Amino acid sequence: MAERDLHTGDLELDRLMAEFQANSREFSDAMGMVGEVIGQAASPDGKIKVQVSSSGQLTALHMDPRAMRLGSQELADAIMDLSRRATEDAARRLMDVTRPYLEDDRQGEPRRRR
């Protein structure tokens, strides 16, 4: 979307339009950062690693061949636990990205519409 530097002659309307354009850029930047958020988790020995998107969708799974020595239920439980932990990690990262846009910078309270 091309930005235009509009001046209507009405100072209040020009101010509101400039604020809207700045908020639109800020929102667009925030949405771009949200799309880049990933969550990760690994087993203590590093043999199993999981990566999820910001929505919690599994995007990568790495299993060292030595992890295959685990029993099927133990392996399944480990993958499920790591998926949960990776999703929690993504949620924390997502909150870190969006917090500045959801809170009033001065008081840590939700932003109010202006």
PDB file of N, CA and C in Angstrom:
ATOM      1  N   MET A   1       0.847  -1.164   0.000  1.00  0.00           N
ATOM      2  CA  MET A   1       0.000   0.000   0.000  1.00  0.00           C
ATOM      3  C   MET A   1       0.892   1.225   0.000  1.00  0.00           C
ATOM      4  N   ALA A   2       0.719   2.078  -0.974  1.00  0.00           N
ATOM      5  CA  ALA A   2       1.543   3.282  -1.090  1.00  0.00           C
ATOM      6  C   ALA A   2       1.070   4.324  -0.095  1.00  0.00           C
ATOM      7  N   GLU A   3       2.027   4.944   0.554  1.00  0.00           N
ATOM      8  CA  GLU A   3       1.703   6.000   1.502  1.00  0.00           C
ATOM      9  C   GLU A   3       1.639   7.317   0.766  1.00  0.00           C
ATOM     10  N   ARG A   4       0.685   8.129   1.171  1.00  0.00           N
ATOM     11  CA  ARG A   4       0.566   9.458   0.595  1.00  0.00           C
ATOM     12  C   ARG A   4       0.650  10.459   1.719  1.00  0.00           C
ATOM     13  N   ASP A   5       1.314  11.539   1.459  1.00  0.00           N
ATOM     14  CA  ASP A   5       1.431  12.612   2.421  1.00  0.00           C
ATOM     15  C   ASP A   5       0.293  13.583   2.130  1.00  0.00           C
ATOM     16  N   LEU A   6      -0.843  13.372   2.798  1.00  0.00           N
ATOM     17  CA  LEU A   6      -2.024  14.174   2.537  1.00  0.00           C
ATOM     18  C   LEU A   6      -2.106  15.341   3.514  1.00  0.00           C
ATOM     19  N   HIS A   7      -2.451  16.475   2.990  1.00  0.00           N
ATOM     20  CA  HIS A   7      -2.689  17.653   3.817  1.00  0.00           C
ATOM     21  C   HIS A   7      -4.028  18.222   3.390  1.00  0.00           C
ATOM     22  N   THR A   8      -4.961  18.239   4.313  1.00  0.00           N
ATOM     23  CA  THR A   8      -6.306  18.695   4.004  1.00  0.00           C
ATOM     24  C   THR A   8      -6.501  20.173   4.306  1.00  0.00           C
ATOM     25  N   GLY A   9      -5.599  20.742   5.079  1.00  0.00           N
ATOM     26  CA  GLY A   9      -5.794  22.117   5.524  1.00  0.00           C
ATOM     27  C   GLY A   9      -6.433  22.170   6.895  1.00  0.00           C
ATOM     28  N   ASP A  10      -7.026  21.053   7.326  1.00  0.00           N
ATOM     29  CA  ASP A  10      -7.620  20.953   8.661  1.00  0.00           C
ATOM     30  C   ASP A  10      -6.570  20.318   9.566  1.00  0.00           C
ATOM     31  N   LEU A  11      -6.045  21.094  10.491  1.00  0.00           N
ATOM     32  CA  LEU A  11      -4.945  20.614  11.334  1.00  0.00           C
ATOM     33  C   LEU A  11      -5.303  19.350  12.106  1.00  0.00           C
ATOM     34  N   GLU A  12      -6.502  19.285  12.652  1.00  0.00           N
ATOM     35  CA  GLU A  12      -6.912  18.109  13.424  1.00  0.00           C
ATOM     36  C   GLU A  12      -7.040  16.880  12.524  1.00  0.00           C
ATOM     37  N   LEU A  13      -7.641  17.050  11.367  1.00  0.00           N
ATOM     38  CA  LEU A  13      -7.777  15.926  10.433  1.00  0.00           C
ATOM     39  C   LEU A  13      -6.406  15.465   9.949  1.00  0.00           C
ATOM     40  N   ASP A  14      -5.518  16.396   9.646  1.00  0.00           N
ATOM     41  CA  ASP A  14      -4.156  16.034   9.226  1.00  0.00           C
ATOM     42  C   ASP A  14      -3.438  15.274  10.332  1.00  0.00           C
ATOM     43  N   ARG A  15      -3.619  15.716  11.588  1.00  0.00           N
ATOM     44  CA  ARG A  15      -2.990  15.038  12.724  1.00  0.00           C
ATOM     45  C   ARG A  15      -3.532  13.611  12.852  1.00  0.00           C
ATOM     46  N   LEU A  16      -4.849  13.465  12.746  1.00  0.00           N
ATOM     47  CA  LEU A  16      -5.468  12.145  12.847  1.00  0.00           C
ATOM     48  C   LEU A  16      -4.999  11.222  11.714  1.00  0.00           C
ATOM     49  N   MET A  17      -4.892  11.766  10.520  1.00  0.00           N
ATOM     50  CA  MET A  17      -4.439  10.954   9.386  1.00  0.00           C
ATOM     51  C   MET A  17      -2.983  10.532   9.560  1.00  0.00           C
ATOM     52  N   ALA A  18      -2.150  11.436  10.052  1.00  0.00           N
ATOM     53  CA  ALA A  18      -0.744  11.098  10.292  1.00  0.00           C
ATOM     54  C   ALA A  18      -0.644  10.030  11.377  1.00  0.00           C
ATOM     55  N   GLU A  19      -1.455  10.149  12.420  1.00  0.00           N
ATOM     56  CA  GLU A  19      -1.458   9.153  13.492  1.00  0.00           C
ATOM     57  C   GLU A  19      -1.927   7.800  12.974  1.00  0.00           C
ATOM     58  N   PHE A  20      -2.957   7.822  12.118  1.00  0.00           N
ATOM     59  CA  PHE A  20      -3.454   6.588  11.527  1.00  0.00           C
ATOM     60  C   PHE A  20      -2.377   5.911  10.682  1.00  0.00           C
ATOM     61  N   GLN A  21      -1.671   6.691   9.862  1.00  0.00           N
ATOM     62  CA  GLN A  21      -0.604   6.123   9.029  1.00  0.00           C
ATOM     63  C   GLN A  21       0.505   5.528   9.896  1.00  0.00           C
ATOM     64  N   ALA A  22       0.881   6.232  10.971  1.00  0.00           N
ATOM     65  CA  ALA A  22       1.927   5.713  11.861  1.00  0.00           C
ATOM     66  C   ALA A  22       1.459   4.432  12.528  1.00  0.00           C
ATOM     67  N   ASN A  23       0.204   4.401  12.990  1.00  0.00           N
ATOM     68  CA  ASN A  23      -0.325   3.188  13.629  1.00  0.00           C
ATOM     69  C   ASN A  23      -0.412   2.040  12.637  1.00  0.00           C
ATOM     70  N   SER A  24      -0.752   2.347  11.393  1.00  0.00           N
ATOM     71  CA  SER A  24      -0.833   1.307  10.367  1.00  0.00           C
ATOM     72  C   SER A  24       0.542   0.685  10.118  1.00  0.00           C
ATOM     73  N   ARG A  25       1.578   1.527  10.041  1.00  0.00           N
ATOM     74  CA  ARG A  25       2.942   1.012   9.855  1.00  0.00           C
ATOM     75  C   ARG A  25       3.344   0.164  11.057  1.00  0.00           C
ATOM     76  N   GLU A  26       3.029   0.658  12.259  1.00  0.00           N
ATOM     77  CA  GLU A  26       3.370  -0.062  13.492  1.00  0.00           C
ATOM     78  C   GLU A  26       2.678  -1.417  13.512  1.00  0.00           C
ATOM     79  N   PHE A  27       1.395  -1.450  13.149  1.00  0.00           N
ATOM     80  CA  PHE A  27       0.647  -2.700  13.124  1.00  0.00           C
ATOM     81  C   PHE A  27       1.228  -3.658  12.090  1.00  0.00           C
ATOM     82  N   SER A  28       1.555  -3.143  10.924  1.00  0.00           N
ATOM     83  CA  SER A  28       2.140  -3.970   9.871  1.00  0.00           C
ATOM     84  C   SER A  28       3.476  -4.563  10.322  1.00  0.00           C
ATOM     85  N   ASP A  29       4.296  -3.751  10.975  1.00  0.00           N
ATOM     86  CA  ASP A  29       5.582  -4.237  11.497  1.00  0.00           C
ATOM     87  C   ASP A  29       5.360  -5.328  12.538  1.00  0.00           C
ATOM     88  N   ALA A  30       4.389  -5.112  13.430  1.00  0.00           N
ATOM     89  CA  ALA A  30       4.098  -6.099  14.478  1.00  0.00           C
ATOM     90  C   ALA A  30       3.624  -7.411  13.866  1.00  0.00           C
ATOM     91  N   MET A  31       2.762  -7.331  12.855  1.00  0.00           N
ATOM     92  CA  MET A  31       2.269  -8.546  12.214  1.00  0.00           C
ATOM     93  C   MET A  31       3.413  -9.308  11.542  1.00  0.00           C
ATOM     94  N   GLY A  32       4.357  -8.582  10.964  1.00  0.00           N
ATOM     95  CA  GLY A  32       5.520  -9.235  10.369  1.00  0.00           C
ATOM     96  C   GLY A  32       6.338  -9.968  11.416  1.00  0.00           C
ATOM     97  N   MET A  33       6.496  -9.350  12.588  1.00  0.00           N
ATOM     98  CA  MET A  33       7.255  -9.995  13.660  1.00  0.00           C
ATOM     99  C   MET A  33       6.510 -11.212  14.198  1.00  0.00           C
ATOM    100  N   VAL A  34       5.197 -11.147  14.269  1.00  0.00           N
ATOM    101  CA  VAL A  34       4.405 -12.282  14.739  1.00  0.00           C
ATOM    102  C   VAL A  34       4.626 -13.485  13.837  1.00  0.00           C
ATOM    103  N   GLY A  35       4.660 -13.242  12.534  1.00  0.00           N
ATOM    104  CA  GLY A  35       4.865 -14.336  11.587  1.00  0.00           C
ATOM    105  C   GLY A  35       6.222 -14.987  11.697  1.00  0.00           C
ATOM    106  N   GLU A  36       7.183 -14.279  12.269  1.00  0.00           N
ATOM    107  CA  GLU A  36       8.539 -14.813  12.401  1.00  0.00           C
ATOM    108  C   GLU A  36       8.763 -15.556  13.723  1.00  0.00           C
ATOM    109  N   VAL A  37       7.794 -15.501  14.620  1.00  0.00           N
ATOM    110  CA  VAL A  37       7.950 -16.142  15.936  1.00  0.00           C
ATOM    111  C   VAL A  37       7.949 -17.657  15.777  1.00  0.00           C
ATOM    112  N   ILE A  38       8.912 -18.288  16.433  1.00  0.00           N
ATOM    113  CA  ILE A  38       8.943 -19.743  16.510  1.00  0.00           C
ATOM    114  C   ILE A  38       9.196 -20.130  17.959  1.00  0.00           C
ATOM    115  N   GLY A  39       8.766 -21.316  18.304  1.00  0.00           N
ATOM    116  CA  GLY A  39       9.050 -21.875  19.627  1.00  0.00           C
ATOM    117  C   GLY A  39       9.891 -23.118  19.441  1.00  0.00           C
ATOM    118  N   GLN A  40      10.776 -23.348  20.393  1.00  0.00           N
ATOM    119  CA  GLN A  40      11.661 -24.507  20.299  1.00  0.00           C
ATOM    120  C   GLN A  40      11.773 -25.199  21.647  1.00  0.00           C
ATOM    121  N   ALA A  41      12.021 -26.482  21.588  1.00  0.00           N
ATOM    122  CA  ALA A  41      12.301 -27.265  22.795  1.00  0.00           C
ATOM    123  C   ALA A  41      13.164 -28.453  22.393  1.00  0.00           C
ATOM    124  N   ALA A  42      14.000 -28.879  23.321  1.00  0.00           N
ATOM    125  CA  ALA A  42      14.883 -30.021  23.066  1.00  0.00           C
ATOM    126  C   ALA A  42      14.925 -30.902  24.299  1.00  0.00           C
ATOM    127  N   SER A  43      15.134 -32.170  24.069  1.00  0.00           N
ATOM    128  CA  SER A  43      15.292 -33.099  25.184  1.00  0.00           C
ATOM    129  C   SER A  43      16.586 -32.744  25.925  1.00  0.00           C
ATOM    130  N   PRO A  44      16.689 -33.117  27.192  1.00  0.00           N
ATOM    131  CA  PRO A  44      17.894 -32.780  27.953  1.00  0.00           C
ATOM    132  C   PRO A  44      19.192 -33.239  27.292  1.00  0.00           C
ATOM    133  N   ASP A  45      19.146 -34.369  26.612  1.00  0.00           N
ATOM    134  CA  ASP A  45      20.361 -34.865  25.949  1.00  0.00           C
ATOM    135  C   ASP A  45      20.515 -34.334  24.528  1.00  0.00           C
ATOM    136  N   GLY A  46      19.540 -33.546  24.063  1.00  0.00           N
ATOM    137  CA  GLY A  46      19.602 -32.951  22.744  1.00  0.00           C
ATOM    138  C   GLY A  46      19.309 -33.907  21.595  1.00  0.00           C
ATOM    139  N   LYS A  47      18.866 -35.107  21.916  1.00  0.00           N
ATOM    140  CA  LYS A  47      18.623 -36.091  20.856  1.00  0.00           C
ATOM    141  C   LYS A  47      17.318 -35.854  20.106  1.00  0.00           C
ATOM    142  N   ILE A  48      16.388 -35.131  20.740  1.00  0.00           N
ATOM    143  CA  ILE A  48      15.113 -34.827  20.095  1.00  0.00           C
ATOM    144  C   ILE A  48      14.912 -33.315  20.182  1.00  0.00           C
ATOM    145  N   LYS A  49      14.591 -32.705  19.042  1.00  0.00           N
ATOM    146  CA  LYS A  49      14.356 -31.257  19.001  1.00  0.00           C
ATOM    147  C   LYS A  49      13.075 -30.995  18.220  1.00  0.00           C
ATOM    148  N   VAL A  50      12.297 -30.062  18.744  1.00  0.00           N
ATOM    149  CA  VAL A  50      11.016 -29.726  18.144  1.00  0.00           C
ATOM    150  C   VAL A  50      10.959 -28.223  17.913  1.00  0.00           C
ATOM    151  N   GLN A  51      10.349 -27.831  16.808  1.00  0.00           N
ATOM    152  CA  GLN A  51      10.136 -26.413  16.508  1.00  0.00           C
ATOM    153  C   GLN A  51       8.686 -26.241  16.074  1.00  0.00           C
ATOM    154  N   VAL A  52       8.034 -25.178  16.569  1.00  0.00           N
ATOM    155  CA  VAL A  52       6.652 -24.887  16.202  1.00  0.00           C
ATOM    156  C   VAL A  52       6.528 -23.438  15.747  1.00  0.00           C
ATOM    157  N   SER A  53       5.469 -23.173  14.978  1.00  0.00           N
ATOM    158  CA  SER A  53       5.175 -21.805  14.532  1.00  0.00           C
ATOM    159  C   SER A  53       4.519 -21.033  15.667  1.00  0.00           C
ATOM    160  N   SER A  54       4.238 -19.759  15.425  1.00  0.00           N
ATOM    161  CA  SER A  54       3.599 -18.936  16.455  1.00  0.00           C
ATOM    162  C   SER A  54       2.216 -19.466  16.818  1.00  0.00           C
ATOM    163  N   SER A  55       1.579 -20.210  15.936  1.00  0.00           N
ATOM    164  CA  SER A  55       0.263 -20.789  16.223  1.00  0.00           C
ATOM    165  C   SER A  55       0.365 -22.163  16.879  1.00  0.00           C
ATOM    166  N   GLY A  56       1.584 -22.670  17.057  1.00  0.00           N
ATOM    167  CA  GLY A  56       1.776 -23.966  17.688  1.00  0.00           C
ATOM    168  C   GLY A  56       1.870 -25.127  16.715  1.00  0.00           C
ATOM    169  N   GLN A  57       1.844 -24.842  15.435  1.00  0.00           N
ATOM    170  CA  GLN A  57       1.943 -25.904  14.426  1.00  0.00           C
ATOM    171  C   GLN A  57       3.373 -26.428  14.366  1.00  0.00           C
ATOM    172  N   LEU A  58       3.515 -27.732  14.403  1.00  0.00           N
ATOM    173  CA  LEU A  58       4.824 -28.361  14.314  1.00  0.00           C
ATOM    174  C   LEU A  58       5.449 -28.044  12.960  1.00  0.00           C
ATOM    175  N   THR A  59       6.641 -27.437  12.968  1.00  0.00           N
ATOM    176  CA  THR A  59       7.305 -27.071  11.719  1.00  0.00           C
ATOM    177  C   THR A  59       8.608 -27.836  11.511  1.00  0.00           C
ATOM    178  N   ALA A  60       9.160 -28.394  12.583  1.00  0.00           N
ATOM    179  CA  ALA A  60      10.393 -29.172  12.444  1.00  0.00           C
ATOM    180  C   ALA A  60      10.500 -30.168  13.591  1.00  0.00           C
ATOM    181  N   LEU A  61      11.021 -31.325  13.259  1.00  0.00           N
ATOM    182  CA  LEU A  61      11.272 -32.371  14.250  1.00  0.00           C
ATOM    183  C   LEU A  61      12.580 -33.036  13.878  1.00  0.00           C
ATOM    184  N   HIS A  62      13.516 -33.005  14.818  1.00  0.00           N
ATOM    185  CA  HIS A  62      14.811 -33.651  14.598  1.00  0.00           C
ATOM    186  C   HIS A  62      14.968 -34.750  15.642  1.00  0.00           C
ATOM    187  N   MET A  63      15.305 -35.934  15.164  1.00  0.00           N
ATOM    188  CA  MET A  63      15.580 -37.036  16.084  1.00  0.00           C
ATOM    189  C   MET A  63      16.926 -37.632  15.730  1.00  0.00           C
ATOM    190  N   ASP A  64      17.836 -37.572  16.661  1.00  0.00           N
ATOM    191  CA  ASP A  64      19.120 -38.232  16.511  1.00  0.00           C
ATOM    192  C   ASP A  64      18.837 -39.731  16.414  1.00  0.00           C
ATOM    193  N   PRO A  65      19.538 -40.458  15.577  1.00  0.00           N
ATOM    194  CA  PRO A  65      19.290 -41.900  15.452  1.00  0.00           C
ATOM    195  C   PRO A  65      19.319 -42.632  16.798  1.00  0.00           C
ATOM    196  N   ARG A  66      20.104 -42.123  17.736  1.00  0.00           N
ATOM    197  CA  ARG A  66      20.162 -42.776  19.052  1.00  0.00           C
ATOM    198  C   ARG A  66      18.843 -42.656  19.816  1.00  0.00           C
ATOM    199  N   ALA A  67      18.011 -41.659  19.470  1.00  0.00           N
ATOM    200  CA  ALA A  67      16.711 -41.508  20.129  1.00  0.00           C
ATOM    201  C   ALA A  67      15.791 -42.673  19.773  1.00  0.00           C
ATOM    202  N   MET A  68      16.055 -43.335  18.661  1.00  0.00           N
ATOM    203  CA  MET A  68      15.231 -44.459  18.232  1.00  0.00           C
ATOM    204  C   MET A  68      15.392 -45.673  19.145  1.00  0.00           C
ATOM    205  N   ARG A  69      16.367 -45.619  20.032  1.00  0.00           N
ATOM    206  CA  ARG A  69      16.562 -46.719  20.986  1.00  0.00           C
ATOM    207  C   ARG A  69      15.510 -46.690  22.097  1.00  0.00           C
ATOM    208  N   LEU A  70      14.833 -45.564  22.220  1.00  0.00           N
ATOM    209  CA  LEU A  70      13.769 -45.464  23.220  1.00  0.00           C
ATOM    210  C   LEU A  70      12.609 -46.354  22.799  1.00  0.00           C
ATOM    211  N   GLY A  71      11.831 -46.769  23.750  1.00  0.00           N
ATOM    212  CA  GLY A  71      10.622 -47.509  23.423  1.00  0.00           C
ATOM    213  C   GLY A  71       9.645 -46.590  22.710  1.00  0.00           C
ATOM    214  N   SER A  72       8.701 -47.150  21.970  1.00  0.00           N
ATOM    215  CA  SER A  72       7.781 -46.324  21.180  1.00  0.00           C
ATOM    216  C   SER A  72       6.959 -45.390  22.058  1.00  0.00           C
ATOM    217  N   GLN A  73       6.506 -45.860  23.210  1.00  0.00           N
ATOM    218  CA  GLN A  73       5.705 -45.000  24.088  1.00  0.00           C
ATOM    219  C   GLN A  73       6.559 -43.889  24.697  1.00  0.00           C
ATOM    220  N   GLU A  74       7.790 -44.229  25.094  1.00  0.00           N
ATOM    221  CA  GLU A  74       8.698 -43.223  25.657  1.00  0.00           C
ATOM    222  C   GLU A  74       9.038 -42.157  24.611  1.00  0.00           C
ATOM    223  N   LEU A  75       9.252 -42.578  23.375  1.00  0.00           N
ATOM    224  CA  LEU A  75       9.544 -41.642  22.289  1.00  0.00           C
ATOM    225  C   LEU A  75       8.329 -40.748  22.018  1.00  0.00           C
ATOM    226  N   ALA A  76       7.153 -41.355  21.948  1.00  0.00           N
ATOM    227  CA  ALA A  76       5.922 -40.590  21.724  1.00  0.00           C
ATOM    228  C   ALA A  76       5.702 -39.583  22.852  1.00  0.00           C
ATOM    229  N   ASP A  77       5.895 -40.012  24.097  1.00  0.00           N
ATOM    230  CA  ASP A  77       5.726 -39.116  25.246  1.00  0.00           C
ATOM    231  C   ASP A  77       6.720 -37.957  25.184  1.00  0.00           C
ATOM    232  N   ALA A  78       7.955 -38.247  24.798  1.00  0.00           N
ATOM    233  CA  ALA A  78       8.979 -37.197  24.708  1.00  0.00           C
ATOM    234  C   ALA A  78       8.599 -36.179  23.631  1.00  0.00           C
ATOM    235  N   ILE A  79       8.143 -36.654  22.488  1.00  0.00           N
ATOM    236  CA  ILE A  79       7.760 -35.748  21.400  1.00  0.00           C
ATOM    237  C   ILE A  79       6.560 -34.897  21.814  1.00  0.00           C
ATOM    238  N   MET A  80       5.583 -35.513  22.466  1.00  0.00           N
ATOM    239  CA  MET A  80       4.417 -34.756  22.925  1.00  0.00           C
ATOM    240  C   MET A  80       4.817 -33.697  23.949  1.00  0.00           C
ATOM    241  N   ASP A  81       5.674 -34.058  24.885  1.00  0.00           N
ATOM    242  CA  ASP A  81       6.124 -33.105  25.903  1.00  0.00           C
ATOM    243  C   ASP A  81       6.903 -31.961  25.267  1.00  0.00           C
ATOM    244  N   LEU A  82       7.797 -32.279  24.336  1.00  0.00           N
ATOM    245  CA  LEU A  82       8.581 -31.241  23.669  1.00  0.00           C
ATOM    246  C   LEU A  82       7.693 -30.339  22.818  1.00  0.00           C
ATOM    247  N   SER A  83       6.686 -30.906  22.191  1.00  0.00           N
ATOM    248  CA  SER A  83       5.747 -30.099  21.403  1.00  0.00           C
ATOM    249  C   SER A  83       5.010 -29.118  22.306  1.00  0.00           C
ATOM    250  N   ARG A  84       4.586 -29.574  23.465  1.00  0.00           N
ATOM    251  CA  ARG A  84       3.912 -28.700  24.423  1.00  0.00           C
ATOM    252  C   ARG A  84       4.844 -27.597  24.890  1.00  0.00           C
ATOM    253  N   ARG A  85       6.084 -27.962  25.227  1.00  0.00           N
ATOM    254  CA  ARG A  85       7.052 -26.968  25.698  1.00  0.00           C
ATOM    255  C   ARG A  85       7.408 -25.965  24.600  1.00  0.00           C
ATOM    256  N   ALA A  86       7.523 -26.429  23.364  1.00  0.00           N
ATOM    257  CA  ALA A  86       7.822 -25.533  22.250  1.00  0.00           C
ATOM    258  C   ALA A  86       6.658 -24.567  22.017  1.00  0.00           C
ATOM    259  N   THR A  87       5.432 -25.062  22.161  1.00  0.00           N
ATOM    260  CA  THR A  87       4.257 -24.208  22.007  1.00  0.00           C
ATOM    261  C   THR A  87       4.223 -23.148  23.104  1.00  0.00           C
ATOM    262  N   GLU A  88       4.573 -23.525  24.329  1.00  0.00           N
ATOM    263  CA  GLU A  88       4.653 -22.560  25.427  1.00  0.00           C
ATOM    264  C   GLU A  88       5.743 -21.524  25.144  1.00  0.00           C
ATOM    265  N   ASP A  89       6.860 -21.967  24.590  1.00  0.00           N
ATOM    266  CA  ASP A  89       7.945 -21.064  24.225  1.00  0.00           C
ATOM    267  C   ASP A  89       7.470 -20.077  23.160  1.00  0.00           C
ATOM    268  N   ALA A  90       6.760 -20.567  22.162  1.00  0.00           N
ATOM    269  CA  ALA A  90       6.237 -19.689  21.106  1.00  0.00           C
ATOM    270  C   ALA A  90       5.254 -18.680  21.696  1.00  0.00           C
ATOM    271  N   ALA A  91       4.413 -19.125  22.613  1.00  0.00           N
ATOM    272  CA  ALA A  91       3.442 -18.213  23.240  1.00  0.00           C
ATOM    273  C   ALA A  91       4.158 -17.116  24.019  1.00  0.00           C
ATOM    274  N   ARG A  92       5.216 -17.472  24.741  1.00  0.00           N
ATOM    275  CA  ARG A  92       5.997 -16.466  25.488  1.00  0.00           C
ATOM    276  C   ARG A  92       6.638 -15.466  24.526  1.00  0.00           C
ATOM    277  N   ARG A  93       7.212 -15.984  23.455  1.00  0.00           N
ATOM    278  CA  ARG A  93       7.856 -15.104  22.471  1.00  0.00           C
ATOM    279  C   ARG A  93       6.823 -14.205  21.783  1.00  0.00           C
ATOM    280  N   LEU A  94       5.667 -14.763  21.484  1.00  0.00           N
ATOM    281  CA  LEU A  94       4.595 -13.997  20.861  1.00  0.00           C
ATOM    282  C   LEU A  94       4.141 -12.876  21.794  1.00  0.00           C
ATOM    283  N   MET A  95       4.031 -13.178  23.073  1.00  0.00           N
ATOM    284  CA  MET A  95       3.640 -12.159  24.041  1.00  0.00           C
ATOM    285  C   MET A  95       4.707 -11.070  24.131  1.00  0.00           C
ATOM    286  N   ASP A  96       5.975 -11.454  24.068  1.00  0.00           N
ATOM    287  CA  ASP A  96       7.057 -10.463  24.091  1.00  0.00           C
ATOM    288  C   ASP A  96       6.969  -9.520  22.896  1.00  0.00           C
ATOM    289  N   VAL A  97       6.600 -10.065  21.737  1.00  0.00           N
ATOM    290  CA  VAL A  97       6.504  -9.254  20.520  1.00  0.00           C
ATOM    291  C   VAL A  97       5.287  -8.334  20.581  1.00  0.00           C
ATOM    292  N   THR A  98       4.169  -8.842  21.072  1.00  0.00           N
ATOM    293  CA  THR A  98       2.929  -8.070  21.031  1.00  0.00           C
ATOM    294  C   THR A  98       2.702  -7.188  22.257  1.00  0.00           C
ATOM    295  N   ARG A  99       3.365  -7.463  23.356  1.00  0.00           N
ATOM    296  CA  ARG A  99       3.144  -6.701  24.596  1.00  0.00           C
ATOM    297  C   ARG A  99       3.226  -5.186  24.392  1.00  0.00           C
ATOM    298  N   PRO A 100       4.230  -4.673  23.687  1.00  0.00           N
ATOM    299  CA  PRO A 100       4.295  -3.210  23.517  1.00  0.00           C
ATOM    300  C   PRO A 100       3.070  -2.628  22.805  1.00  0.00           C
ATOM    301  N   TYR A 101       2.379  -3.435  22.034  1.00  0.00           N
ATOM    302  CA  TYR A 101       1.221  -2.951  21.296  1.00  0.00           C
ATOM    303  C   TYR A 101      -0.076  -3.157  22.072  1.00  0.00           C
ATOM    304  N   LEU A 102       0.002  -3.919  23.147  1.00  0.00           N
ATOM    305  CA  LEU A 102      -1.194  -4.218  23.931  1.00  0.00           C
ATOM    306  C   LEU A 102      -1.244  -3.461  25.250  1.00  0.00           C
ATOM    307  N   GLU A 103      -0.114  -2.967  25.707  1.00  0.00           N
ATOM    308  CA  GLU A 103      -0.058  -2.300  27.002  1.00  0.00           C
ATOM    309  C   GLU A 103       0.272  -0.829  26.835  1.00  0.00           C
ATOM    310  N   ASP A 104      -0.213  -0.053  27.776  1.00  0.00           N
ATOM    311  CA  ASP A 104       0.169   1.354  27.866  1.00  0.00           C
ATOM    312  C   ASP A 104       1.584   1.370  28.416  1.00  0.00           C
ATOM    313  N   ASP A 105       2.517   1.967  27.681  1.00  0.00           N
ATOM    314  CA  ASP A 105       3.931   1.952  28.051  1.00  0.00           C
ATOM    315  C   ASP A 105       4.192   2.476  29.449  1.00  0.00           C
ATOM    316  N   ARG A 106       3.364   3.368  29.936  1.00  0.00           N
ATOM    317  CA  ARG A 106       3.640   3.991  31.231  1.00  0.00           C
ATOM    318  C   ARG A 106       3.225   3.134  32.413  1.00  0.00           C
ATOM    319  N   GLN A 107       2.127   2.393  32.281  1.00  0.00           N
ATOM    320  CA  GLN A 107       1.586   1.727  33.456  1.00  0.00           C
ATOM    321  C   GLN A 107       1.431   0.226  33.313  1.00  0.00           C
ATOM    322  N   GLY A 108       1.777  -0.332  32.166  1.00  0.00           N
ATOM    323  CA  GLY A 108       1.621  -1.772  31.978  1.00  0.00           C
ATOM    324  C   GLY A 108       0.170  -2.187  31.906  1.00  0.00           C
ATOM    325  N   GLU A 109      -0.732  -1.226  31.630  1.00  0.00           N
ATOM    326  CA  GLU A 109      -2.157  -1.522  31.526  1.00  0.00           C
ATOM    327  C   GLU A 109      -2.536  -1.636  30.050  1.00  0.00           C
ATOM    328  N   PRO A 110      -3.661  -2.305  29.774  1.00  0.00           N
ATOM    329  CA  PRO A 110      -4.084  -2.418  28.374  1.00  0.00           C
ATOM    330  C   PRO A 110      -4.243  -1.032  27.741  1.00  0.00           C
ATOM    331  N   ARG A 111      -3.854  -0.931  26.470  1.00  0.00           N
ATOM    332  CA  ARG A 111      -4.014   0.319  25.746  1.00  0.00           C
ATOM    333  C   ARG A 111      -5.484   0.633  25.582  1.00  0.00           C
ATOM    334  N   ARG A 112      -5.794   1.900  25.650  1.00  0.00           N
ATOM    335  CA  ARG A 112      -7.154   2.347  25.407  1.00  0.00           C
ATOM    336  C   ARG A 112      -7.202   3.006  24.033  1.00  0.00           C
ATOM    337  N   ARG A 113      -8.311   2.828  23.363  1.00  0.00           N
ATOM    338  CA  ARG A 113      -8.474   3.491  22.065  1.00  0.00           C
ATOM    339  C   ARG A 113      -8.467   4.991  22.276  1.00  0.00           C
ATOM    340  N   ARG A 114      -7.798   5.686  21.417  1.00  0.00           N
ATOM    341  CA  ARG A 114      -7.714   7.151  21.559  1.00  0.00           C
ATOM    342  C   ARG A 114      -8.668   7.833  20.638  1.00  0.00           C
TER     343      ARG A 114
END
